[in-house]
């Protein structure tokens, strides 16, 4: 899976904002504000990857229980999918 072309991201403070630009293939019009963990996931999605690969990167970066990270990852992926921001 991968973040669709046409979504622009910018790091801010401890997070990130993401907006669709003219070429984005989505009906979503707005700004997505992400915390540092969600921003980490979005950054992983800038290249072709899998859920399991992202989870492994999360485990290597954050000190949290795997089940918590997996749930957080699934929540982020679900939200990105709901605005048609990722190709699965």
Protein backbone atom coordinates (compact mmCIF):
# COMPACT_ATOMS: atom_id res chain seq x y z
CA UNK A 1 0.00 0.00 0.00
CA UNK A 2 1.07 3.58 -0.54
CA UNK A 3 -0.04 7.16 0.07
CA UNK A 4 -1.78 8.40 -3.06
CA UNK A 5 -0.17 10.99 -5.27
CA UNK A 6 -1.55 14.44 -4.62
CA UNK A 7 -1.36 14.47 -0.84
CA UNK A 8 1.11 16.99 0.51
CA UNK A 9 2.53 16.66 4.03
CA UNK A 10 4.31 19.16 6.23
CA UNK A 11 5.85 18.56 9.64
CA UNK A 12 4.67 20.92 12.37
CA UNK A 13 5.78 20.96 16.00
CA UNK A 14 5.34 17.34 17.18
CA UNK A 15 3.09 16.25 14.35
CA UNK A 16 2.19 16.72 10.74
CA UNK A 17 -0.52 18.16 8.52
CA UNK A 18 -1.61 16.59 5.27
CA UNK A 19 -3.74 18.20 2.56
CA UNK A 20 -4.96 17.01 -0.81
CA UNK A 21 -3.77 19.14 -3.70
CA UNK A 22 -5.23 19.43 -7.19
CA UNK A 23 -4.07 16.05 -8.44
CA UNK A 24 -5.36 14.05 -5.46
CA UNK A 25 -7.85 11.34 -6.44
CA UNK A 26 -10.23 11.95 -3.55
CA UNK A 27 -13.44 13.77 -2.68
CA UNK A 28 -11.87 14.79 0.64
CA UNK A 29 -11.28 18.51 0.98
CA UNK A 30 -9.68 19.51 4.22
CA UNK A 31 -6.64 19.22 6.44
CA UNK A 32 -5.57 16.09 8.28
CA UNK A 33 -3.65 16.88 11.46
CA UNK A 34 -1.61 13.98 12.77
CA UNK A 35 0.20 13.33 16.01
CA UNK A 36 3.78 12.06 15.85
CA UNK A 37 2.76 8.39 15.62
CA UNK A 38 0.26 8.96 12.81
CA UNK A 39 2.84 11.15 11.05
CA UNK A 40 5.31 8.26 11.32
CA UNK A 41 2.78 5.97 9.61
CA UNK A 42 2.09 8.53 6.86
CA UNK A 43 5.83 8.90 6.26
CA UNK A 44 6.14 5.11 5.92
CA UNK A 45 3.34 5.21 3.34
CA UNK A 46 5.31 7.55 1.10
CA UNK A 47 6.92 4.38 -0.27
CA UNK A 48 5.23 1.11 -1.14
CA UNK A 49 4.91 -0.90 2.08
CA UNK A 50 2.73 -3.34 3.98
CA UNK A 51 0.94 -3.12 7.30
CA UNK A 52 3.39 -5.64 8.80
CA UNK A 53 6.41 -3.65 7.61
CA UNK A 54 5.01 -0.48 9.18
CA UNK A 55 4.31 -2.35 12.42
CA UNK A 56 7.92 -3.60 12.50
CA UNK A 57 9.18 -0.03 12.04
CA UNK A 58 6.89 1.17 14.83
CA UNK A 59 8.22 -1.55 17.14
CA UNK A 60 11.79 -0.54 16.33
CA UNK A 61 11.07 3.13 17.05
CA UNK A 62 8.56 3.24 19.92
CA UNK A 63 8.52 1.60 23.32
CA UNK A 64 4.93 0.40 23.64
CA UNK A 65 3.08 -2.92 23.71
CA UNK A 66 2.76 -4.47 20.27
CA UNK A 67 -1.02 -4.84 20.55
CA UNK A 68 -1.37 -1.12 21.29
CA UNK A 69 0.81 -0.19 18.34
CA UNK A 70 -1.09 -2.58 16.06
CA UNK A 71 -4.44 -1.05 17.08
CA UNK A 72 -3.12 2.49 16.60
CA UNK A 73 -1.74 1.52 13.19
CA UNK A 74 -5.05 -0.02 12.14
CA UNK A 75 -6.90 3.11 13.30
CA UNK A 76 -4.62 5.37 11.24
CA UNK A 77 -4.90 3.15 8.16
CA UNK A 78 -8.70 3.05 8.51
CA UNK A 79 -8.90 6.85 8.70
CA UNK A 80 -6.60 7.30 5.70
CA UNK A 81 -8.63 4.74 3.79
CA UNK A 82 -11.87 6.57 4.67
CA UNK A 83 -10.63 9.73 2.93
CA UNK A 84 -9.27 7.73 -0.01
CA UNK A 85 -5.68 8.72 0.77
CA UNK A 86 -4.04 5.32 0.32
CA UNK A 87 -3.85 2.68 -2.36
CA UNK A 88 -4.24 -0.74 -0.77
